[in-house]
Amino acid sequence: MLCRITLFFAILHTMTFSVTILGCGAAIPLTHRNPTAHIVNVHEKLFLFDCAEGTQVQIRRNHIRLQKIGHIFISHLHGDHYFGLMGLITSLHLLGREKELHVYAHARLEDIINLHLDSSQTILRYPLIFHAIDPDKEEMILDDKTLTVSSIPLNHNFPTNGFLIREKRAKPNIRKDFLVDKKLTNSDYRRIKDGKDYEDENGVIYRNDDITTPPKPSRAYAYCTDTAYFENIIPIIKGVDLLYHEATFTKDKAADAAAKFHSTANEAATIAKKAEVKKLLIGHYSARYKDLTELLSEAQEVFQDTILGVDGLTVEI
């Protein structure tokens, strides 16, 4: 019984939800700053958001297992967000992958992938399943046992989506003190976690509210890259635990930002404040900024709980 209880609570404490920055730069790769790619770990399932050139090198550099990536989400078809995808797809093939890989992106990317595979006469060892995204819709594009992923239409000079990954609400936790000396079957565990009362072998009934504690609130991460200031996203990302929002320029370059449909650090922070998010992570910095301090300071003037996204950073949610 003790082993069962220990295992039960060990599982509760492995519910990881983290974001690792593989690239925080915009457009051009630099020696110290890769273009955009994020790994999101939810309960040890790995999701890749964008895949700039060099991404698979960054995956290895950060000791992330390539084969654990099951779903890849591409925000748009500017090269600094997907030029690493074909290399990654091919590497998985060469490494002998057999389990399916899901790619979510705008429809034209499927043609690009097929052109590369046909031109190189590559027949993948594994199923590659493509899911076309409508860039003009907010819609759920993935729904599994533990989480959902929805698309977020953004305001760029090209069809672009952000993504919202949200943990599903967990079931109640069974109290440790209740489990002592109880002979619960697997069926008992399931019934209690489904909200049912428990009756022991002597006919004593324990109310569910007395033997469980509420689960931790579900967590959410919003990924919003390559967009001008766009308040339409506020109701979608309202109250998320972590918002990634591009901050390509400082506010003295606001005219450049508007012309290129990008955001300033000040604008990213304003969105975070209005959306009442818990924490803001900024990135997608123009190569002109060698020192990122000014971008961070500008954002923190508006939204204090802002952090810089830098290559190799992992943020636990």
Protein backbone atom coordinates (compact mmCIF):
# COMPACT_ATOMS: atom_id res chain seq x y z
CA MET A 1 0.00 0.00 0.00
CA LEU A 2 2.80 2.42 0.91
CA CYS A 3 4.42 1.92 -2.51
CA ARG A 4 1.11 2.68 -4.21
CA ILE A 5 0.67 5.88 -2.18
CA THR A 6 4.26 6.95 -2.86
CA LEU A 7 3.82 6.37 -6.60
CA PHE A 8 0.50 8.23 -6.58
CA PHE A 9 2.04 11.36 -5.09
CA ALA A 10 5.20 11.09 -7.18
CA ILE A 11 2.99 11.31 -10.27
CA LEU A 12 1.30 14.42 -8.90
CA HIS A 13 4.66 16.17 -8.60
CA THR A 14 5.80 15.47 -12.18
CA MET A 15 3.21 17.67 -13.85
CA THR A 16 5.73 19.83 -15.66
CA PHE A 17 4.69 22.91 -17.61
CA SER A 18 7.68 24.82 -18.93
CA VAL A 19 8.88 26.89 -21.89
CA THR A 20 12.44 26.72 -23.24
CA ILE A 21 13.64 29.45 -25.61
CA LEU A 22 15.67 27.97 -28.46
CA GLY A 23 15.82 31.25 -30.35
CA CYS A 24 14.91 34.80 -29.38
CA GLY A 25 16.05 36.78 -32.41
CA ALA A 26 14.29 38.26 -35.43
CA ALA A 27 14.99 37.54 -39.11
CA ILE A 28 18.77 37.01 -39.19
CA PRO A 29 20.66 34.35 -37.19
CA LEU A 30 23.44 35.76 -35.01
CA THR A 31 26.27 33.91 -33.31
CA HIS A 32 24.66 34.58 -29.92
CA ARG A 33 20.98 34.72 -30.89
CA ASN A 34 19.04 32.17 -32.93
CA PRO A 35 15.78 33.06 -34.72
CA THR A 36 12.47 31.96 -33.25
CA ALA A 37 11.73 28.55 -31.76
CA HIS A 38 10.24 27.52 -28.40
CA ILE A 39 9.88 24.09 -26.78
CA VAL A 40 6.87 23.73 -24.50
CA ASN A 41 6.90 20.79 -22.08
CA VAL A 42 3.48 19.83 -20.71
CA HIS A 43 3.54 16.73 -18.50
CA GLU A 44 6.66 15.53 -20.36
CA LYS A 45 5.00 15.86 -23.76
CA LEU A 46 7.06 18.16 -25.99
CA PHE A 47 5.58 20.72 -28.39
CA LEU A 48 7.67 22.87 -30.76
CA PHE A 49 6.46 26.37 -31.60
CA ASP A 50 8.14 27.62 -34.79
CA CYS A 51 11.31 26.13 -36.20
CA ALA A 52 13.86 28.61 -37.53
CA GLU A 53 17.08 27.46 -39.16
CA GLY A 54 19.43 26.04 -36.56
CA THR A 55 16.61 24.85 -34.33
CA GLN A 56 17.68 21.22 -34.19
CA VAL A 57 21.19 22.30 -33.14
CA GLN A 58 19.60 24.35 -30.36
CA ILE A 59 17.50 21.34 -29.36
CA ARG A 60 20.66 19.28 -28.93
CA ARG A 61 22.49 22.11 -27.19
CA ASN A 62 19.70 22.27 -24.62
CA HIS A 63 19.68 18.48 -24.12
CA ILE A 64 16.13 18.04 -25.42
CA ARG A 65 15.24 14.67 -26.91
CA LEU A 66 14.32 15.15 -30.58
CA GLN A 67 12.14 12.06 -30.69
CA LYS A 68 9.91 13.28 -27.86
CA ILE A 69 8.59 16.13 -30.02
CA GLY A 70 5.17 15.03 -31.24
CA HIS A 71 3.56 18.26 -32.43
CA ILE A 72 5.04 21.26 -34.29
CA PHE A 73 3.17 24.56 -34.68
CA ILE A 74 4.33 27.07 -37.31
CA SER A 75 3.03 30.62 -36.84
CA HIS A 76 3.59 31.80 -40.43
CA LEU A 77 5.69 31.27 -43.54
CA HIS A 78 8.38 33.88 -43.09
CA GLY A 79 11.67 32.01 -43.20
CA ASP A 80 12.88 32.92 -39.73
CA HIS A 81 9.98 30.85 -38.36
CA TYR A 82 10.15 27.68 -40.42
CA PHE A 83 13.41 27.32 -42.41
CA GLY A 84 14.62 24.68 -39.92
CA LEU A 85 11.58 22.47 -40.34
CA MET A 86 12.70 20.35 -43.31
CA GLY A 87 16.03 19.63 -41.67
CA LEU A 88 14.27 18.51 -38.51
CA ILE A 89 11.78 16.34 -40.43
CA THR A 90 14.65 14.69 -42.31
CA SER A 91 16.78 14.16 -39.19
CA LEU A 92 13.90 12.39 -37.47
CA HIS A 93 13.64 10.13 -40.51
CA LEU A 94 17.38 9.37 -40.52
CA LEU A 95 17.28 8.62 -36.80
CA GLY A 96 14.67 5.93 -37.42
CA ARG A 97 11.57 7.57 -36.05
CA GLU A 98 8.45 5.45 -36.44
CA LYS A 99 5.79 7.28 -34.43
CA GLU A 100 3.70 9.93 -36.14
CA LEU A 101 4.59 13.63 -36.20
CA HIS A 102 1.88 16.30 -36.40
CA VAL A 103 2.53 19.67 -38.08
CA TYR A 104 0.05 22.56 -37.74
CA ALA A 105 0.46 25.46 -40.15
CA HIS A 106 -1.08 27.39 -43.03
CA ALA A 107 -1.99 25.18 -45.97
CA ARG A 108 0.83 26.20 -48.32
CA LEU A 109 3.42 24.69 -46.00
CA GLU A 110 2.15 21.21 -46.84
CA ASP A 111 3.02 21.85 -50.50
CA ILE A 112 6.49 23.07 -49.49
CA ILE A 113 7.13 19.97 -47.39
CA ASN A 114 5.96 17.65 -50.16
CA LEU A 115 8.12 19.47 -52.73
CA HIS A 116 11.23 18.90 -50.60
CA LEU A 117 10.42 15.25 -50.01
CA ASP A 118 9.60 14.59 -53.67
CA SER A 119 12.71 16.44 -54.91
CA SER A 120 15.00 14.42 -52.65
CA GLN A 121 13.06 11.19 -53.27
CA THR A 122 12.59 10.80 -49.53
CA ILE A 123 9.92 8.43 -48.25
CA LEU A 124 9.61 9.08 -44.53
CA ARG A 125 9.81 6.13 -42.14
CA TYR A 126 7.09 7.70 -40.00
CA PRO A 127 3.64 9.19 -40.66
CA LEU A 128 3.76 12.97 -41.08
CA ILE A 129 0.27 14.34 -40.45
CA PHE A 130 -0.39 17.89 -41.62
CA HIS A 131 -3.14 20.03 -40.08
CA ALA A 132 -4.06 23.18 -42.04
CA ILE A 133 -4.79 26.29 -39.97
CA ASP A 134 -7.17 29.04 -41.08
CA PRO A 135 -5.20 32.25 -40.36
CA ASP A 136 -8.37 34.27 -39.90
CA LYS A 137 -9.95 32.09 -37.23
CA GLU A 138 -9.51 31.57 -33.53
CA GLU A 139 -10.13 27.84 -33.18
CA MET A 140 -9.09 24.80 -31.18
CA ILE A 141 -6.61 22.83 -33.27
CA LEU A 142 -5.55 20.17 -30.76
CA ASP A 143 -7.53 18.53 -27.96
CA ASP A 144 -6.05 15.63 -26.00
CA LYS A 145 -6.43 14.18 -22.50
CA THR A 146 -4.33 16.79 -20.74
CA LEU A 147 -4.40 19.97 -22.83
CA THR A 148 -5.79 22.01 -25.70
CA VAL A 149 -4.07 24.21 -28.26
CA SER A 150 -5.93 27.04 -30.01
CA SER A 151 -4.84 29.38 -32.77
CA ILE A 152 -4.77 33.16 -32.28
CA PRO A 153 -5.10 35.41 -35.38
CA LEU A 154 -2.44 38.15 -35.25
CA ASN A 155 -1.87 41.41 -37.12
CA HIS A 156 1.21 41.02 -39.31
CA ASN A 157 1.91 41.92 -42.93
CA PHE A 158 1.45 38.26 -43.77
CA PRO A 159 -1.07 35.63 -42.54
CA THR A 160 0.13 34.83 -39.02
CA ASN A 161 -1.17 32.98 -35.98
CA GLY A 162 -0.19 32.81 -32.37
CA PHE A 163 -1.04 29.82 -30.21
CA LEU A 164 -2.60 29.29 -26.80
CA ILE A 165 -1.72 26.04 -25.02
CA ARG A 166 -3.87 25.38 -21.98
CA GLU A 167 -3.75 22.56 -19.45
CA LYS A 168 -7.05 20.84 -18.75
CA ARG A 169 -8.35 21.07 -15.20
CA ALA A 170 -7.07 18.18 -13.13
CA LYS A 171 -9.19 15.99 -10.89
CA PRO A 172 -9.24 16.44 -7.08
CA ASN A 173 -6.32 15.16 -5.02
CA ILE A 174 -6.93 12.43 -2.43
CA ARG A 175 -5.70 13.45 1.02
CA LYS A 176 -2.58 11.68 2.28
CA ASP A 177 -3.96 11.24 5.81
CA PHE A 178 -7.05 9.51 4.43
CA LEU A 179 -4.98 6.98 2.47
CA VAL A 180 -3.15 5.70 5.57
CA ASP A 181 -4.37 2.17 6.45
CA LYS A 182 -7.00 2.20 3.69
CA LYS A 183 -7.21 -0.69 1.25
CA LEU A 184 -8.29 1.20 -1.85
CA THR A 185 -8.63 -0.58 -5.15
CA ASN A 186 -7.90 1.08 -8.49
CA SER A 187 -11.67 1.41 -8.92
CA ASP A 188 -11.88 3.22 -5.56
CA TYR A 189 -9.21 5.68 -6.65
CA ARG A 190 -11.04 6.42 -9.90
CA ARG A 191 -14.42 6.86 -8.19
CA ILE A 192 -13.04 9.23 -5.54
CA LYS A 193 -11.22 11.33 -8.14
CA ASP A 194 -14.46 11.44 -10.15
CA GLY A 195 -16.16 13.07 -7.15
CA LYS A 196 -17.83 10.04 -5.55
CA ASP A 197 -18.00 9.37 -1.81
CA TYR A 198 -16.14 6.35 -0.39
CA GLU A 199 -17.66 3.53 1.65
CA ASP A 200 -15.25 1.26 3.52
CA GLU A 201 -15.65 -2.44 4.34
CA ASN A 202 -17.46 -1.55 7.59
CA GLY A 203 -20.07 0.55 5.83
CA VAL A 204 -18.58 3.87 6.99
CA ILE A 205 -19.15 6.56 4.35
CA TYR A 206 -16.55 9.28 3.77
CA ARG A 207 -17.79 12.37 1.93
CA ASN A 208 -15.73 13.25 -1.09
CA ASP A 209 -15.22 16.84 0.08
CA ASP A 210 -13.69 15.52 3.32
CA ILE A 211 -11.17 13.17 1.71
CA THR A 212 -9.98 15.27 -1.23
CA THR A 213 -8.38 18.63 -1.83
CA PRO A 214 -8.98 20.79 -4.91
CA PRO A 215 -6.47 20.42 -7.76
CA LYS A 216 -4.11 23.21 -8.62
CA PRO A 217 -5.55 25.65 -11.18
CA SER A 218 -4.86 24.74 -14.79
CA ARG A 219 -2.02 26.66 -16.45
CA ALA A 220 -1.79 28.39 -19.83
CA TYR A 221 0.89 29.78 -22.16
CA ALA A 222 0.16 32.20 -24.99
CA TYR A 223 2.66 32.48 -27.84
CA CYS A 224 2.24 35.69 -29.87
CA THR A 225 5.04 36.37 -32.30
CA ASP A 226 5.25 38.71 -35.31
CA THR A 227 2.38 41.08 -34.77
CA ALA A 228 1.73 44.78 -34.60
CA TYR A 229 -0.02 46.09 -31.49
CA PHE A 230 -3.35 44.24 -31.64
CA GLU A 231 -5.90 44.48 -28.86
CA ASN A 232 -8.12 41.83 -30.46
CA ILE A 233 -5.95 39.19 -28.78
CA ILE A 234 -6.66 40.48 -25.25
CA PRO A 235 -9.87 38.50 -24.57
CA ILE A 236 -8.22 35.34 -25.94
CA ILE A 237 -5.13 35.53 -23.71
CA LYS A 238 -6.84 37.05 -20.66
CA GLY A 239 -5.19 35.98 -17.41
CA VAL A 240 -2.72 33.44 -18.84
CA ASP A 241 0.17 32.42 -16.62
CA LEU A 242 2.81 33.33 -19.20
CA LEU A 243 2.51 35.47 -22.32
CA TYR A 244 5.25 35.48 -24.93
CA HIS A 245 4.88 38.62 -27.02
CA GLU A 246 7.29 39.88 -29.63
CA ALA A 247 9.16 43.08 -28.82
CA THR A 248 11.20 43.69 -31.95
CA PHE A 249 11.90 47.39 -31.31
CA THR A 250 12.14 50.02 -28.60
CA LYS A 251 9.51 52.75 -28.60
CA ASP A 252 11.79 55.31 -30.29
CA LYS A 253 11.47 53.04 -33.35
CA ALA A 254 7.66 52.93 -33.16
CA ALA A 255 7.31 54.14 -36.74
CA ASP A 256 9.54 51.29 -37.97
CA ALA A 257 7.54 48.83 -35.88
CA ALA A 258 4.23 50.02 -37.32
CA ALA A 259 5.53 49.98 -40.91
CA LYS A 260 6.77 46.39 -40.51
CA PHE A 261 3.75 45.20 -38.49
CA HIS A 262 5.89 44.50 -35.43
CA SER A 263 5.62 45.65 -31.82
CA THR A 264 7.74 47.69 -29.45
CA ALA A 265 8.59 46.51 -25.94
CA ASN A 266 6.24 49.18 -24.62
CA GLU A 267 3.38 47.82 -26.74
CA ALA A 268 4.04 44.22 -25.69
CA ALA A 269 3.89 45.30 -22.05
CA THR A 270 0.68 47.26 -22.65
CA ILE A 271 -0.98 44.14 -24.06
CA ALA A 272 0.22 42.14 -21.03
CA LYS A 273 -1.16 44.74 -18.63
CA LYS A 274 -4.54 45.00 -20.35
CA ALA A 275 -4.84 41.21 -20.58
CA GLU A 276 -3.97 40.89 -16.88
CA VAL A 277 -1.48 38.10 -17.52
CA LYS A 278 0.71 36.84 -14.68
CA LYS A 279 4.07 37.12 -16.43
CA LEU A 280 5.36 38.56 -19.73
CA LEU A 281 8.21 37.05 -21.73
CA ILE A 282 9.52 39.21 -24.56
CA GLY A 283 11.59 38.24 -27.60
CA HIS A 284 12.05 38.44 -31.41
CA TYR A 285 14.58 41.26 -31.01
CA SER A 286 15.93 43.17 -33.98
CA ALA A 287 19.60 42.40 -34.64
CA ARG A 288 20.38 46.08 -34.04
CA TYR A 289 20.08 45.50 -30.28
CA LYS A 290 23.30 44.02 -28.92
CA ASP A 291 22.33 44.89 -25.35
CA LEU A 292 18.73 44.00 -24.49
CA THR A 293 18.58 46.02 -21.27
CA GLU A 294 16.75 48.93 -22.89
CA LEU A 295 14.00 46.64 -24.19
CA LEU A 296 13.53 45.06 -20.76
CA SER A 297 13.48 48.41 -18.95
CA GLU A 298 10.95 49.83 -21.39
CA ALA A 299 8.60 46.88 -20.89
CA GLN A 300 8.98 46.88 -17.11
CA GLU A 301 7.97 50.53 -16.94
CA VAL A 302 4.52 49.39 -18.06
CA PHE A 303 4.39 45.79 -16.78
CA GLN A 304 6.82 45.02 -13.98
CA ASP A 305 6.69 41.24 -14.17
CA THR A 306 8.50 41.08 -17.53
CA ILE A 307 11.48 38.86 -18.32
CA LEU A 308 13.81 38.73 -21.30
CA GLY A 309 13.57 35.70 -23.52
CA VAL A 310 17.17 34.65 -24.28
CA ASP A 311 18.48 31.52 -25.95
CA GLY A 312 18.61 28.61 -23.51
CA LEU A 313 16.26 30.14 -20.92
CA THR A 314 13.65 27.79 -19.40
CA VAL A 315 10.66 29.30 -17.63
CA GLU A 316 8.63 27.08 -15.31
CA ILE A 317 4.90 27.87 -15.23
